[in-house]
Amino acid sequence: MSCLRQLLYPSEEDLYKLVRFLVERLSESSEGGRLADVNDVIGRRKAKGDKSERHWEESTRKLDENGADIDIQKIGGNLDDLRLISEVMDSLNSETGHAFVSKPCDVNIIPQEKDEMTVDDESRSSTREFNNGRQTNVLSLKDSIAEPLVAGQDAPRGEETAIQGDDKDPLVFEKKVASSGEQSSKIRNETQTQCQEKVFLEEVIAKASDLHHLEEELEMLKAAAEMAFNNQHPVDFYLEQLKEKVDTRKHHLVELKSQWEVLKKPLEEEKEGLQQILYANVPQGQEKLQKLRELELEKQSFLSDIEKREDELSKLSTDLEKQPKVASRKSYIERIKEITKNSRKQDADIERILKDTRELQLESNSIQERLHRTYAVVDEMVFREAKKDTVGKQAYRLLTSIHESFEQISEKIMATDRIRREVAQREKKLAAIASRSLNIDKLQADLDVIKRENEHLENWL
């Protein structure tokens, strides 16, 4: 009877609070991959044990005083509801376990420290809902109620079994809660280990791929070093080998492409036949199939154009490589700039030389005028003395001879200067002629052509 009273008028608030809290958190973990840690709930359960026992005794006393009549059919219905709820909870627990196993590494665990006021509020609302609708999910109440109901048929032993069940119920529930906490901790540890293993495997795979790439690069560098330091074969030999390999690969790709074209035609025909059979009775499908075929034709045309352009590009690139390399426009511009700079320098030098020559010419003219004046003065003085004395006559003769000799010397100096300039010009012409390469064979061929033309003209005349 006490167990039935416990079912109809639950007074152990903390028990139902804990059950409600655990069921809600388990349901949330099955949906979102979260699990509530119930260790703090067990601690609060032990702290409030006295309060629940007092409330339990008051509720049983009230039921004894009132003497409420229990409907057996109602009890059977409640028992069926509890069985159904327990089955649902078993399924939820199984789904929760699978969710914990398959959940990735970012499983968010509900913190253990939670405000007691919020827990009490949730528990009060949960007990109120349980009393009104009796639809609360009960995790472990089935076992504690089934035995007293079976034993309730014997009136003398019913109260004793109920009292024993009441005494043992909290301990059993605490054990179950502790076992569920251990299971949840085990599941968390397993998920963490699985996540760590997964991360470790990913790191190992990434490092292995990096090592493979580095090994390939090392092999390529070794091969390049061997080619560079090999004195038996030049670099051009290895380049030719690489070109031959590239050509063979291209030829092989062309052959594979031709084979694929041969195999592709029957497959495409079979595909078209299946599509026609599939969309034969569907007008919309036929329209879509027609559009798809048009798009495929456009795609093929675009691909063919791209292939043609690629072939043209490859041919033009090969022709460009074969053509002799001509200096770029930039080099011509640089050369023009250098020539202009040199011409400006030459103009400045020419102007400076002309200025110097003008100054020298002026100086030479002034010296000549001075010389003529001095000569005229000396000539007059010596001529006057020559009339008086014979010594003066000899001096006059010497003066005239000196004057004539100086004139001859100046003329010879001018002539030598002129000859030196002509010699320098001839040397420049000879150097230019020597720098030119005279092709005798070409000259002979040109001469033969001229002779043949002359003979042809003579015969024509």
Protein backbone atom coordinates (compact mmCIF):
# COMPACT_ATOMS: atom_id res chain seq x y z
CA MET A 1 0.00 0.00 0.00
CA SER A 2 2.80 2.40 0.86
CA CYS A 3 4.34 1.80 -2.58
CA LEU A 4 0.98 2.60 -4.20
CA ARG A 5 0.76 5.72 -2.09
CA GLN A 6 4.28 6.57 -3.20
CA LEU A 7 3.20 6.16 -6.84
CA LEU A 8 0.03 8.27 -6.50
CA TYR A 9 1.36 10.90 -4.08
CA PRO A 10 5.14 11.10 -4.53
CA SER A 11 6.69 12.88 -1.61
CA GLU A 12 10.36 12.24 -2.10
CA GLU A 13 10.98 15.49 -3.96
CA ASP A 14 14.66 15.10 -4.37
CA LEU A 15 14.21 11.68 -5.97
CA TYR A 16 11.87 13.03 -8.62
CA LYS A 17 13.98 16.16 -9.01
CA LEU A 18 17.01 14.04 -9.72
CA VAL A 19 15.10 11.74 -12.08
CA ARG A 20 13.64 14.68 -13.98
CA PHE A 21 16.97 16.49 -14.19
CA LEU A 22 18.79 13.32 -15.33
CA VAL A 23 16.16 12.45 -17.95
CA GLU A 24 16.15 15.98 -19.38
CA ARG A 25 19.93 16.08 -19.60
CA LEU A 26 20.06 12.62 -21.19
CA SER A 27 17.49 13.66 -23.79
CA GLU A 28 19.48 16.84 -24.50
CA SER A 29 22.65 14.79 -24.89
CA SER A 30 20.93 12.43 -27.38
CA GLU A 31 19.83 15.44 -29.48
CA GLY A 32 22.82 17.78 -29.24
CA GLY A 33 25.65 15.44 -28.17
CA ARG A 34 25.78 16.74 -24.56
CA LEU A 35 25.86 14.77 -21.29
CA ALA A 36 25.08 16.13 -17.83
CA ASP A 37 27.39 15.16 -15.06
CA VAL A 38 25.26 14.06 -12.10
CA ASN A 39 27.92 13.84 -9.41
CA ASP A 40 26.86 17.21 -7.94
CA VAL A 41 23.26 15.97 -7.89
CA ILE A 42 24.30 12.94 -5.83
CA GLY A 43 25.98 15.24 -3.33
CA ARG A 44 22.87 17.38 -3.00
CA ARG A 45 20.81 14.17 -2.68
CA LYS A 46 22.84 13.11 0.35
CA ALA A 47 22.69 16.59 1.88
CA LYS A 48 18.89 16.71 1.65
CA GLY A 49 18.22 13.13 2.76
CA ASP A 50 16.78 14.06 6.13
CA LYS A 51 14.36 16.54 4.61
CA SER A 52 13.06 13.96 2.11
CA GLU A 53 12.60 11.33 4.84
CA ARG A 54 10.57 13.74 6.99
CA HIS A 55 8.41 14.69 4.04
CA TRP A 56 7.94 10.99 3.23
CA GLU A 57 6.72 10.20 6.77
CA GLU A 58 4.27 13.14 6.75
CA SER A 59 2.80 12.04 3.41
CA THR A 60 2.35 8.42 4.59
CA ARG A 61 0.71 9.61 7.80
CA LYS A 62 -1.75 11.78 5.88
CA LEU A 63 -2.62 8.87 3.64
CA ASP A 64 -3.23 6.63 6.69
CA GLU A 65 -5.52 9.27 8.23
CA ASN A 66 -7.50 9.94 5.07
CA GLY A 67 -7.82 6.29 4.11
CA ALA A 68 -7.89 6.93 0.38
CA ASP A 69 -9.42 4.26 -1.85
CA ILE A 70 -7.25 3.08 -4.69
CA ASP A 71 -8.61 1.97 -8.00
CA ILE A 72 -6.90 -1.22 -9.22
CA GLN A 73 -7.51 -0.45 -12.89
CA LYS A 74 -5.96 2.99 -12.41
CA ILE A 75 -2.92 1.40 -10.79
CA GLY A 76 -2.61 -1.09 -13.65
CA GLY A 77 -2.79 1.74 -16.15
CA ASN A 78 -0.14 3.67 -14.27
CA LEU A 79 2.04 0.57 -14.20
CA ASP A 80 1.64 0.15 -17.96
CA ASP A 81 2.56 3.81 -18.41
CA LEU A 82 5.65 3.31 -16.27
CA ARG A 83 6.65 0.25 -18.30
CA LEU A 84 6.24 2.19 -21.53
CA ILE A 85 8.27 5.08 -20.09
CA SER A 86 11.01 2.69 -18.97
CA GLU A 87 11.21 1.17 -22.47
CA VAL A 88 11.45 4.65 -23.96
CA MET A 89 14.19 5.51 -21.47
CA ASP A 90 16.12 2.35 -22.41
CA SER A 91 15.96 3.35 -26.06
CA LEU A 92 17.06 6.89 -25.13
CA ASN A 93 19.98 5.52 -23.13
CA SER A 94 21.06 3.32 -26.05
CA GLU A 95 20.85 6.30 -28.44
CA THR A 96 22.78 8.41 -25.94
CA GLY A 97 25.56 5.84 -25.81
CA HIS A 98 25.79 5.74 -29.60
CA ALA A 99 25.80 9.52 -29.70
CA PHE A 100 28.70 9.65 -27.25
CA VAL A 101 30.66 7.08 -29.22
CA SER A 102 30.08 8.74 -32.62
CA LYS A 103 30.31 12.35 -31.43
CA PRO A 104 33.41 14.28 -32.58
CA CYS A 105 35.96 15.82 -30.30
CA ASP A 106 34.07 19.01 -29.52
CA VAL A 107 31.64 17.38 -27.04
CA ASN A 108 30.48 20.00 -24.61
CA ILE A 109 30.15 18.60 -21.09
CA ILE A 110 27.75 20.33 -18.75
CA PRO A 111 29.73 21.79 -15.85
CA GLN A 112 29.41 20.09 -12.51
CA GLU A 113 28.86 23.27 -10.51
CA LYS A 114 25.33 24.60 -11.02
CA ASP A 115 23.21 26.94 -8.98
CA GLU A 116 21.04 25.04 -6.50
CA MET A 117 18.20 27.50 -6.85
CA THR A 118 17.77 26.74 -10.55
CA VAL A 119 17.89 23.00 -9.83
CA ASP A 120 15.23 23.34 -7.13
CA ASP A 121 13.01 25.39 -9.44
CA GLU A 122 13.31 22.83 -12.20
CA SER A 123 12.66 20.01 -9.75
CA ARG A 124 9.53 21.71 -8.36
CA SER A 125 8.14 22.22 -11.85
CA SER A 126 8.99 18.62 -12.73
CA THR A 127 7.23 17.19 -9.65
CA ARG A 128 4.21 19.38 -10.35
CA GLU A 129 4.03 18.03 -13.89
CA PHE A 130 4.44 14.49 -12.62
CA ASN A 131 1.57 14.85 -10.14
CA ASN A 132 -0.75 16.42 -12.73
CA GLY A 133 -0.10 14.28 -15.82
CA ARG A 134 1.99 11.32 -14.64
CA GLN A 135 3.97 11.56 -17.88
CA THR A 136 7.42 12.17 -16.40
CA ASN A 137 10.22 9.90 -17.65
CA VAL A 138 11.24 7.65 -14.75
CA LEU A 139 14.62 5.97 -15.02
CA SER A 140 14.76 3.46 -12.19
CA LEU A 141 11.35 3.54 -10.49
CA LYS A 142 10.04 0.46 -12.28
CA ASP A 143 12.10 -2.03 -10.30
CA SER A 144 11.31 -0.36 -6.99
CA ILE A 145 7.53 -0.49 -7.62
CA ALA A 146 7.11 -3.85 -9.37
CA GLU A 147 8.07 -6.00 -6.37
CA PRO A 148 5.69 -4.30 -3.85
CA LEU A 149 2.78 -4.54 -6.32
CA VAL A 150 3.29 -8.27 -6.74
CA ALA A 151 3.68 -8.72 -3.02
CA GLY A 152 0.66 -6.48 -2.29
CA GLN A 153 -1.75 -9.39 -2.88
CA ASP A 154 -0.79 -10.78 0.54
CA ALA A 155 -2.15 -8.31 3.06
CA PRO A 156 0.01 -9.27 6.05
CA ARG A 157 3.32 -9.10 4.16
CA GLY A 158 2.55 -6.05 1.98
CA GLU A 159 3.42 -3.38 4.50
CA GLU A 160 6.71 -5.08 5.45
CA THR A 161 7.88 -5.35 1.84
CA ALA A 162 6.81 -1.74 1.23
CA ILE A 163 8.79 -0.57 4.24
CA GLN A 164 11.80 -2.57 3.10
CA GLY A 165 11.42 -1.11 -0.41
CA ASP A 166 11.19 2.37 1.07
CA ASP A 167 14.32 1.77 3.08
CA LYS A 168 16.26 0.31 0.14
CA ASP A 169 14.95 2.59 -2.63
CA PRO A 170 17.32 5.57 -2.11
CA LEU A 171 20.37 3.34 -1.84
CA VAL A 172 19.51 1.47 -5.04
CA PHE A 173 18.86 4.73 -6.84
CA GLU A 174 22.13 6.20 -5.61
CA LYS A 175 23.95 3.10 -6.83
CA LYS A 176 22.29 3.39 -10.22
CA VAL A 177 23.08 7.08 -10.43
CA ALA A 178 26.68 6.40 -9.44
CA SER A 179 26.91 3.64 -12.07
CA SER A 180 25.43 5.99 -14.69
CA GLY A 181 27.98 8.65 -13.68
CA GLU A 182 30.78 6.12 -14.02
CA GLN A 183 29.44 5.07 -17.42
CA SER A 184 29.25 8.69 -18.53
CA SER A 185 32.81 9.32 -17.34
CA LYS A 186 33.96 6.19 -19.15
CA ILE A 187 32.18 7.33 -22.31
CA ARG A 188 33.78 10.75 -22.01
CA ASN A 189 37.20 9.20 -21.54
CA GLU A 190 36.63 6.92 -24.53
CA THR A 191 35.51 9.83 -26.72
CA GLN A 192 38.50 11.89 -25.61
CA THR A 193 40.89 9.04 -26.35
CA GLN A 194 39.25 8.46 -29.73
CA CYS A 195 39.52 12.14 -30.55
CA GLN A 196 43.17 12.21 -29.50
CA GLU A 197 43.87 9.12 -31.60
CA LYS A 198 42.12 10.72 -34.58
CA VAL A 199 44.10 13.94 -34.22
CA PHE A 200 47.32 11.98 -33.82
CA LEU A 201 46.56 9.92 -36.95
CA GLU A 202 45.82 13.08 -38.94
CA GLU A 203 49.09 14.63 -37.80
CA VAL A 204 50.98 11.45 -38.70
CA ILE A 205 49.37 11.37 -42.16
CA ALA A 206 50.16 15.07 -42.76
CA LYS A 207 53.78 14.62 -41.66
CA ALA A 208 54.11 11.51 -43.84
CA SER A 209 52.83 13.43 -46.88
CA ASP A 210 55.22 16.30 -46.15
CA LEU A 211 58.08 13.84 -45.79
CA HIS A 212 57.14 12.24 -49.12
CA HIS A 213 57.16 15.63 -50.87
CA LEU A 214 60.50 16.51 -49.31
CA GLU A 215 61.97 13.18 -50.42
CA GLU A 216 60.78 13.81 -53.98
CA GLU A 217 62.32 17.30 -53.96
CA LEU A 218 65.57 15.86 -52.58
CA GLU A 219 65.69 13.26 -55.35
CA MET A 220 65.09 15.95 -57.97
CA LEU A 221 67.83 18.14 -56.50
CA LYS A 222 70.23 15.19 -56.42
CA ALA A 223 69.50 14.43 -60.07
CA ALA A 224 70.00 18.09 -61.01
CA ALA A 225 73.29 18.20 -59.09
CA GLU A 226 74.51 15.04 -60.82
CA MET A 227 73.63 16.54 -64.20
CA ALA A 228 75.39 19.81 -63.36
CA PHE A 229 78.60 18.19 -62.06
CA ASN A 230 78.77 15.47 -64.69
CA ASN A 231 81.69 16.24 -67.00
CA GLN A 232 80.98 13.42 -69.44
CA HIS A 233 77.76 14.90 -70.81
CA PRO A 234 76.86 18.58 -71.16
CA VAL A 235 73.62 20.11 -69.98
CA ASP A 236 72.21 20.13 -73.51
CA PHE A 237 72.38 16.35 -73.57
CA TYR A 238 70.11 16.10 -70.54
CA LEU A 239 67.80 18.72 -71.99
CA GLU A 240 67.45 16.66 -75.14
CA GLN A 241 66.69 13.58 -73.06
CA LEU A 242 63.98 15.47 -71.19
CA LYS A 243 62.51 16.71 -74.46
CA GLU A 244 62.44 13.15 -75.79
CA LYS A 245 60.67 11.95 -72.66
CA VAL A 246 58.15 14.77 -72.94
CA ASP A 247 57.50 13.93 -76.58
CA THR A 248 57.00 10.25 -75.76
CA ARG A 249 54.57 11.16 -72.99
CA LYS A 250 52.65 13.42 -75.36
CA HIS A 251 52.49 10.66 -77.96
CA HIS A 252 51.29 8.22 -75.31
CA LEU A 253 48.60 10.66 -74.20
CA VAL A 254 47.44 11.05 -77.79
CA GLU A 255 47.20 7.27 -78.15
CA LEU A 256 45.24 6.97 -74.90
CA LYS A 257 42.94 9.73 -76.04
CA SER A 258 42.26 7.97 -79.32
CA GLN A 259 41.56 4.70 -77.47
CA TRP A 260 39.20 6.52 -75.13
CA GLU A 261 37.37 8.04 -78.08
CA VAL A 262 36.90 4.55 -79.52
CA LEU A 263 35.54 3.24 -76.21
CA LYS A 264 33.51 6.37 -75.56
CA LYS A 265 31.26 6.11 -78.62
CA PRO A 266 29.41 2.87 -77.68
CA LEU A 267 29.05 4.04 -74.10
CA GLU A 268 27.52 7.32 -75.22
CA GLU A 269 25.15 5.49 -77.57
CA GLU A 270 24.10 3.19 -74.76
CA LYS A 271 23.61 6.18 -72.47
CA GLU A 272 21.44 7.94 -75.05
CA GLY A 273 19.34 4.81 -75.52
CA LEU A 274 18.78 4.45 -71.78
CA GLN A 275 17.87 8.13 -71.49
CA GLN A 276 15.34 7.82 -74.30
CA ILE A 277 13.79 4.77 -72.66
CA LEU A 278 13.71 6.53 -69.30
CA TYR A 279 12.14 9.76 -70.55
CA ALA A 280 9.93 8.22 -73.24
CA ASN A 281 6.69 8.74 -71.31
CA VAL A 282 7.70 12.01 -69.62
CA PRO A 283 7.38 15.10 -71.87
CA GLN A 284 9.17 17.37 -69.41
CA GLY A 285 11.98 14.87 -69.15
CA GLN A 286 12.30 14.77 -72.94
CA GLU A 287 12.57 18.55 -73.07
CA LYS A 288 15.25 18.53 -70.39
CA LEU A 289 17.05 15.71 -72.21
CA GLN A 290 17.01 17.76 -75.42
CA LYS A 291 18.42 20.78 -73.59
CA LEU A 292 21.07 18.58 -72.02
CA ARG A 293 22.10 17.28 -75.45
CA GLU A 294 22.34 20.81 -76.80
CA LEU A 295 24.51 21.82 -73.86
CA GLU A 296 26.73 18.79 -74.43
CA LEU A 297 27.12 19.72 -78.11
CA GLU A 298 28.08 23.27 -77.15
CA LYS A 299 30.53 21.87 -74.62
CA GLN A 300 32.11 19.64 -77.27
CA SER A 301 32.42 22.58 -79.67
CA PHE A 302 34.06 24.70 -76.99
CA LEU A 303 36.45 21.89 -76.11
CA SER A 304 37.39 21.40 -79.77
CA ASP A 305 38.04 25.14 -80.13
CA ILE A 306 40.19 25.09 -77.02
CA GLU A 307 42.20 22.16 -78.37
CA LYS A 308 42.73 23.94 -81.68
CA ARG A 309 43.86 27.08 -79.93
CA GLU A 310 46.23 25.08 -77.75
CA ASP A 311 47.72 23.39 -80.82
CA GLU A 312 48.17 26.76 -82.51
CA LEU A 313 49.76 28.15 -79.38
CA SER A 314 52.21 25.25 -79.19
CA LYS A 315 53.14 25.66 -82.87
CA LEU A 316 53.63 29.40 -82.53
CA SER A 317 55.72 28.93 -79.41
CA THR A 318 57.97 26.41 -81.20
CA ASP A 319 58.32 28.78 -84.17
CA LEU A 320 59.18 31.61 -81.84
CA GLU A 321 61.85 29.51 -80.16
CA LYS A 322 63.32 28.57 -83.54
CA GLN A 323 63.54 32.17 -84.73
CA PRO A 324 66.80 34.01 -84.09
CA LYS A 325 66.78 36.09 -81.03
CA VAL A 326 66.63 39.80 -81.84
CA ALA A 327 67.49 42.54 -79.46
CA SER A 328 64.51 43.89 -77.67
CA ARG A 329 63.07 47.34 -78.08
CA LYS A 330 64.40 48.32 -74.70
CA SER A 331 67.96 47.62 -75.82
CA TYR A 332 67.47 49.81 -78.90
CA ILE A 333 66.12 52.60 -76.73
CA GLU A 334 69.11 52.30 -74.43
CA ARG A 335 71.49 52.42 -77.37
CA ILE A 336 69.76 55.52 -78.78
CA LYS A 337 70.03 57.19 -75.39
CA GLU A 338 73.74 56.37 -75.23
CA ILE A 339 74.27 57.73 -78.76
CA THR A 340 72.49 60.98 -77.91
CA LYS A 341 74.57 61.35 -74.76
CA ASN A 342 77.76 60.75 -76.72
CA SER A 343 76.70 63.21 -79.42
CA ARG A 344 76.03 65.85 -76.80
CA LYS A 345 79.45 65.24 -75.30
CA GLN A 346 81.01 65.46 -78.75
CA ASP A 347 79.20 68.75 -79.45
CA ALA A 348 80.51 70.16 -76.19
CA ASP A 349 84.03 68.99 -77.06
CA ILE A 350 83.76 70.47 -80.55
CA GLU A 351 82.62 73.81 -79.19
CA ARG A 352 85.48 73.82 -76.71
CA ILE A 353 87.99 72.98 -79.46
CA LEU A 354 86.60 75.71 -81.73
CA LYS A 355 86.87 78.20 -78.91
CA ASP A 356 90.47 77.18 -78.29
CA THR A 357 91.29 77.42 -81.99
CA ARG A 358 89.77 80.90 -82.21
CA GLU A 359 91.82 82.02 -79.25
CA LEU A 360 94.96 80.52 -80.76
CA GLN A 361 94.20 82.15 -84.09
CA LEU A 362 93.78 85.51 -82.46
CA GLU A 363 96.98 85.03 -80.50
CA SER A 364 98.90 83.98 -83.61
CA ASN A 365 97.60 86.97 -85.55
CA SER A 366 98.61 89.34 -82.79
CA ILE A 367 102.07 87.75 -82.62
CA GLN A 368 102.48 88.02 -86.40
CA GLU A 369 101.50 91.67 -86.36
CA ARG A 370 103.93 92.33 -83.55
CA LEU A 371 106.63 90.46 -85.45
CA HIS A 372 105.99 92.46 -88.60
CA ARG A 373 106.15 95.71 -86.70
CA THR A 374 109.38 94.78 -84.95
CA TYR A 375 110.87 93.61 -88.25
CA ALA A 376 109.94 96.87 -89.94
CA VAL A 377 111.46 98.91 -87.12
CA VAL A 378 114.68 96.82 -87.08
CA ASP A 379 114.88 96.94 -90.87
CA GLU A 380 114.71 100.73 -90.92
CA MET A 381 117.31 101.06 -88.16
CA VAL A 382 119.75 98.62 -89.78
CA PHE A 383 119.19 100.18 -93.22
CA ARG A 384 120.12 103.61 -91.84
CA GLU A 385 123.28 102.23 -90.26
CA ALA A 386 124.16 100.36 -93.48
CA LYS A 387 124.37 103.64 -95.39
CA LYS A 388 126.97 104.92 -92.99
CA ASP A 389 129.17 101.87 -92.39
CA THR A 390 130.09 98.59 -94.04
CA VAL A 391 129.36 96.66 -90.84
CA GLY A 392 125.84 97.95 -91.02
CA LYS A 393 125.57 96.58 -94.55
CA GLN A 394 126.60 93.10 -93.36
CA ALA A 395 124.11 93.29 -90.51
CA TYR A 396 121.36 94.25 -92.93
CA ARG A 397 122.20 91.29 -95.15
CA LEU A 398 122.10 88.94 -92.15
CA LEU A 399 118.77 90.37 -91.11
CA THR A 400 117.25 89.80 -94.52
CA SER A 401 118.58 86.23 -94.62
CA ILE A 402 117.18 85.53 -91.15
CA HIS A 403 113.83 86.89 -92.21
CA GLU A 404 113.75 84.70 -95.28
CA SER A 405 114.76 81.61 -93.28
CA PHE A 406 112.03 82.23 -90.72
CA GLU A 407 109.48 82.51 -93.50
CA GLN A 408 110.64 79.21 -94.93
CA ILE A 409 110.48 77.58 -91.48
CA SER A 410 106.91 78.78 -90.91
CA GLU A 411 105.85 77.52 -94.33
CA LYS A 412 107.43 74.13 -93.65
CA ILE A 413 105.70 73.94 -90.24
CA MET A 414 102.36 74.64 -91.89
CA ALA A 415 103.05 72.03 -94.54
CA THR A 416 103.99 69.40 -91.98
CA ASP A 417 100.84 70.14 -90.02
CA ARG A 418 98.76 69.75 -93.14
CA ILE A 419 100.50 66.48 -93.96
CA ARG A 420 99.89 65.13 -90.43
CA ARG A 421 96.18 65.84 -90.72
CA GLU A 422 96.01 64.09 -94.06
CA VAL A 423 97.92 61.12 -92.63
CA ALA A 424 95.46 60.85 -89.73
CA GLN A 425 92.52 60.87 -92.14
CA ARG A 426 94.12 58.19 -94.30
CA GLU A 427 94.78 56.05 -91.22
CA LYS A 428 91.15 56.31 -90.19
CA LYS A 429 90.02 55.24 -93.65
CA LEU A 430 92.42 52.31 -93.62
CA ALA A 431 91.15 51.21 -90.20
CA ALA A 432 87.55 51.37 -91.41
CA ILE A 433 88.42 49.36 -94.52
CA ALA A 434 90.32 46.80 -92.43
CA SER A 435 87.40 46.44 -90.04
CA ARG A 436 85.10 45.53 -92.90
CA SER A 437 85.00 41.80 -93.72
CA LEU A 438 85.45 41.29 -97.44
CA ASN A 439 83.83 38.08 -98.67
CA ILE A 440 85.76 37.04 -101.75
CA ASP A 441 83.24 34.34 -102.71
CA LYS A 442 80.42 36.83 -102.64
CA LEU A 443 82.41 39.30 -104.73
CA GLN A 444 83.20 36.55 -107.24
CA ALA A 445 79.54 35.55 -107.44
CA ASP A 446 78.51 39.17 -108.00
CA LEU A 447 81.15 39.50 -110.71
CA ASP A 448 79.88 36.34 -112.45
CA VAL A 449 76.33 37.67 -112.35
CA ILE A 450 77.42 40.97 -113.88
CA LYS A 451 79.29 39.10 -116.65
CA ARG A 452 76.26 36.97 -117.49
CA GLU A 453 74.05 40.04 -117.63
CA ASN A 454 76.51 41.73 -119.96
CA GLU A 455 76.60 38.67 -122.26
CA HIS A 456 72.81 38.53 -122.26
CA LEU A 457 72.61 42.19 -123.22
CA GLU A 458 75.18 41.71 -126.01
CA ASN A 459 73.26 38.75 -127.43
CA TRP A 460 70.00 40.68 -127.23
CA LEU A 461 71.50 43.61 -129.07
